Every structure is written in structure tokens, then in C-alpha cells.
C-alpha atoms as a PDB file:
ATOM      1  CA  MET A   1      -5.747 -55.055  45.229  1.00  0.00           C
ATOM      2  CA  PHE A   2      -2.056 -55.150  44.599  1.00  0.00           C
ATOM      3  CA  ILE A   3       1.141 -55.046  46.750  1.00  0.00           C
ATOM      4  CA  ALA A   4       4.689 -54.203  45.919  1.00  0.00           C
ATOM      5  CA  MET A   5       7.460 -54.728  48.256  1.00  0.00           C
ATOM      6  CA  ASN A   6      11.153 -53.938  48.063  1.00  0.00           C
ATOM      7  CA  ARG A   7      13.417 -55.972  50.462  1.00  0.00           C
ATOM      8  CA  PHE A   8      16.568 -53.949  51.600  1.00  0.00           C
ATOM      9  CA  LYS A   9      19.684 -55.349  53.500  1.00  0.00           C
ATOM     10  CA  VAL A  10      21.034 -52.503  55.347  1.00  0.00           C
ATOM     11  CA  ALA A  11      24.776 -52.265  56.436  1.00  0.00           C
ATOM     12  CA  GLU A  12      25.590 -52.608  60.008  1.00  0.00           C
ATOM     13  CA  GLY A  13      25.103 -49.301  61.880  1.00  0.00           C
ATOM     14  CA  LYS A  14      23.310 -47.572  59.005  1.00  0.00           C
ATOM     15  CA  GLY A  15      19.654 -48.535  60.007  1.00  0.00           C
ATOM     16  CA  PRO A  16      19.086 -45.143  61.754  1.00  0.00           C
ATOM     17  CA  GLN A  17      20.408 -43.184  58.661  1.00  0.00           C
ATOM     18  CA  PHE A  18      18.277 -45.455  56.457  1.00  0.00           C
ATOM     19  CA  GLU A  19      15.069 -44.870  58.333  1.00  0.00           C
ATOM     20  CA  GLU A  20      15.755 -41.012  58.706  1.00  0.00           C
ATOM     21  CA  ARG A  21      16.126 -41.010  54.861  1.00  0.00           C
ATOM     22  CA  TRP A  22      12.728 -42.631  54.382  1.00  0.00           C
ATOM     23  CA  ARG A  23      11.019 -40.315  57.205  1.00  0.00           C
ATOM     24  CA  ASN A  24      12.312 -37.235  55.395  1.00  0.00           C
ATOM     25  CA  ARG A  25      11.689 -37.962  51.791  1.00  0.00           C
ATOM     26  CA  GLN A  26       8.838 -36.462  49.929  1.00  0.00           C
ATOM     27  CA  THR A  27       6.990 -39.290  48.363  1.00  0.00           C
ATOM     28  CA  TYR A  28       4.240 -37.684  46.096  1.00  0.00           C
ATOM     29  CA  LEU A  29       2.317 -40.984  46.582  1.00  0.00           C
ATOM     30  CA  ASP A  30      -0.659 -39.295  47.891  1.00  0.00           C
ATOM     31  CA  THR A  31      -1.171 -37.482  44.488  1.00  0.00           C
ATOM     32  CA  VAL A  32      -1.060 -40.907  42.520  1.00  0.00           C
ATOM     33  CA  PRO A  33      -4.433 -42.383  41.485  1.00  0.00           C
ATOM     34  CA  GLY A  34      -4.945 -45.806  42.988  1.00  0.00           C
ATOM     35  CA  PHE A  35      -2.406 -45.640  45.760  1.00  0.00           C
ATOM     36  CA  LEU A  36      -3.772 -46.897  49.088  1.00  0.00           C
ATOM     37  CA  HIS A  37      -1.090 -47.163  51.827  1.00  0.00           C
ATOM     38  CA  PHE A  38       2.872 -47.268  52.328  1.00  0.00           C
ATOM     39  CA  ALA A  39       4.816 -48.813  55.233  1.00  0.00           C
ATOM     40  CA  LEU A  40       8.490 -49.110  55.716  1.00  0.00           C
ATOM     41  CA  LEU A  41       9.037 -52.342  57.786  1.00  0.00           C
ATOM     42  CA  ARG A  42      12.068 -53.175  59.954  1.00  0.00           C
ATOM     43  CA  GLY A  43      12.475 -56.887  60.402  1.00  0.00           C
ATOM     44  CA  ASP A  44      13.894 -58.907  63.357  1.00  0.00           C
ATOM     45  CA  HIS A  45      17.111 -59.798  61.643  1.00  0.00           C
ATOM     46  CA  PRO A  46      19.650 -56.781  61.905  1.00  0.00           C
ATOM     47  CA  GLY A  47      19.554 -54.893  58.917  1.00  0.00           C
ATOM     48  CA  GLU A  48      16.360 -56.115  57.260  1.00  0.00           C
ATOM     49  CA  TYR A  49      13.868 -53.772  55.985  1.00  0.00           C
ATOM     50  CA  VAL A  50      10.874 -53.960  53.531  1.00  0.00           C
ATOM     51  CA  SER A  51       9.126 -51.060  51.749  1.00  0.00           C
ATOM     52  CA  HIS A  52       5.506 -52.092  51.423  1.00  0.00           C
ATOM     53  CA  SER A  53       2.852 -50.369  49.251  1.00  0.00           C
ATOM     54  CA  MET A  54      -0.668 -51.162  48.552  1.00  0.00           C
ATOM     55  CA  TRP A  55      -2.588 -50.245  45.349  1.00  0.00           C
ATOM     56  CA  GLU A  56      -5.955 -50.469  43.936  1.00  0.00           C
ATOM     57  CA  SER A  57      -4.685 -52.640  40.984  1.00  0.00           C
ATOM     58  CA  ARG A  58      -1.396 -53.650  39.129  1.00  0.00           C
ATOM     59  CA  ALA A  59      -2.165 -51.061  36.488  1.00  0.00           C
ATOM     60  CA  ALA A  60      -2.292 -48.338  39.158  1.00  0.00           C
ATOM     61  CA  PHE A  61       1.104 -49.396  40.373  1.00  0.00           C
ATOM     62  CA  GLU A  62       2.589 -49.658  36.859  1.00  0.00           C
ATOM     63  CA  ALA A  63       1.298 -46.278  36.011  1.00  0.00           C
ATOM     64  CA  TRP A  64       3.012 -44.927  39.127  1.00  0.00           C
ATOM     65  CA  THR A  65       6.310 -46.491  37.873  1.00  0.00           C
ATOM     66  CA  LYS A  66       5.933 -44.517  34.779  1.00  0.00           C
ATOM     67  CA  SER A  67       5.069 -41.235  36.159  1.00  0.00           C
ATOM     68  CA  GLU A  68       6.760 -38.028  36.958  1.00  0.00           C
ATOM     69  CA  ALA A  69       5.687 -38.564  40.700  1.00  0.00           C
ATOM     70  CA  PHE A  70       7.898 -41.705  40.655  1.00  0.00           C
ATOM     71  CA  THR A  71      10.909 -39.888  39.001  1.00  0.00           C
ATOM     72  CA  ALA A  72      10.662 -37.015  41.433  1.00  0.00           C
ATOM     73  CA  GLY A  73      10.415 -39.316  44.421  1.00  0.00           C
ATOM     74  CA  HIS A  74      13.345 -41.501  43.372  1.00  0.00           C
ATOM     75  CA  ARG A  75      15.622 -38.491  42.439  1.00  0.00           C
ATOM     76  CA  GLN A  76      15.929 -37.590  46.021  1.00  0.00           C
ATOM     77  CA  GLY A  77      19.283 -39.573  46.577  1.00  0.00           C
ATOM     78  CA  SER A  78      20.279 -43.080  46.583  1.00  0.00           C
ATOM     79  CA  VAL A  79      20.358 -45.529  49.523  1.00  0.00           C
ATOM     80  CA  GLN A  80      22.915 -47.636  47.777  1.00  0.00           C
ATOM     81  CA  GLY A  81      25.865 -46.463  50.160  1.00  0.00           C
ATOM     82  CA  GLU A  82      23.601 -47.921  53.223  1.00  0.00           C
ATOM     83  CA  LEU A  83      22.977 -51.273  51.609  1.00  0.00           C
ATOM     84  CA  THR A  84      25.154 -54.469  51.422  1.00  0.00           C
ATOM     85  CA  GLU A  85      23.283 -55.586  48.293  1.00  0.00           C
ATOM     86  CA  HIS A  86      20.686 -54.431  45.787  1.00  0.00           C
ATOM     87  CA  PRO A  87      17.110 -54.342  46.813  1.00  0.00           C
ATOM     88  CA  VAL A  88      14.920 -57.335  45.767  1.00  0.00           C
ATOM     89  CA  VAL A  89      11.535 -56.448  44.262  1.00  0.00           C
ATOM     90  CA  SER A  90       8.393 -58.722  44.847  1.00  0.00           C
ATOM     91  CA  LEU A  91       4.833 -57.973  43.459  1.00  0.00           C
ATOM     92  CA  TYR A  92       1.639 -59.570  44.622  1.00  0.00           C
ATOM     93  CA  GLU A  93      -1.890 -59.717  43.518  1.00  0.00           C
ATOM     94  CA  VAL A  94      -4.095 -60.027  46.646  1.00  0.00           C
ATOM     95  CA  VAL A  95      -6.249 -62.982  46.392  1.00  0.00           C
ATOM     96  CA  LEU A  96      -7.802 -62.916  49.881  1.00  0.00           C
ATOM     97  CA  GLU A  97      -8.124 -60.277  52.409  1.00  0.00           C
ATOM     98  CA  GLN A  98      -9.526 -59.988  55.884  1.00  0.00           C
ATOM     99  CA  GLY A  99      -9.806 -57.107  58.542  1.00  0.00           C
ATOM    100  CA  ALA A 100     -10.954 -56.716  61.861  1.00  0.00           C
ATOM    101  CA  LYS A 101     -14.540 -56.475  62.411  1.00  0.00           C
ATOM    102  CA  VAL A 102     -15.999 -52.974  63.277  1.00  0.00           C
ATOM    103  CA  GLY A 103     -16.390 -52.720  67.116  1.00  0.00           C
ATOM    104  CA  ALA A 104     -14.320 -55.955  67.973  1.00  0.00           C
ATOM    105  CA  GLY A 105     -12.294 -54.894  70.957  1.00  0.00           C
ATOM    106  CA  ALA A 106      -9.777 -56.592  72.955  1.00  0.00           C
END
């Protein structure tokens, strides 16, 4: 499994606008081979956000970045007017994964 994250620092007061842009965008991710999951995370520090996507492999992620789906998803407008600095990309190979056991309740 492979994880791609973009860290964003959103300008004061622009958080709701930033979140709404993500909610209303068309991602095309569900059409991409190897895509598993996406989440937009809001941190504890003001203006801190992370986009988090999970992929079957690095190759699947890289294929997406070269696809028409990627181009179409990213031509829907820029978040640059909402940010205080450029996003920071971080890429990770999953080396260990653990999940809850089926039937394990609180």
C-alpha cells in the first residue's frame, strides 16, 4: 500500500471556504485503478489541513498523476488564494498495517 499526503496551511478565516471547495469538487478518484481511499484532515493547529490518499501501490499513484482524471480534477480552480504557503507533498510506502478485529466492540 502507498499513501500520498499534501499538507496545507490555510489563511486565517479561509478554512470554511477551503473545506467547501474540497467538498464540492469532482475528484474522479473512483475511476482510477488502484485508488483505495481519500480523506481531508483538519489539524488541531489553526489553518492546518492534510489531504490523505491511499493507493494499492506507488505505481498506481504515479499512473494517476499522469492521467486525464488527475488533470480534470486539478483544473477545477486553485486553492492558492486560500493558502499562506505552498502545499508540502509527502509520500509513504506502508511497511506495517493493523486494523480492528471483526466483532471487537467498545
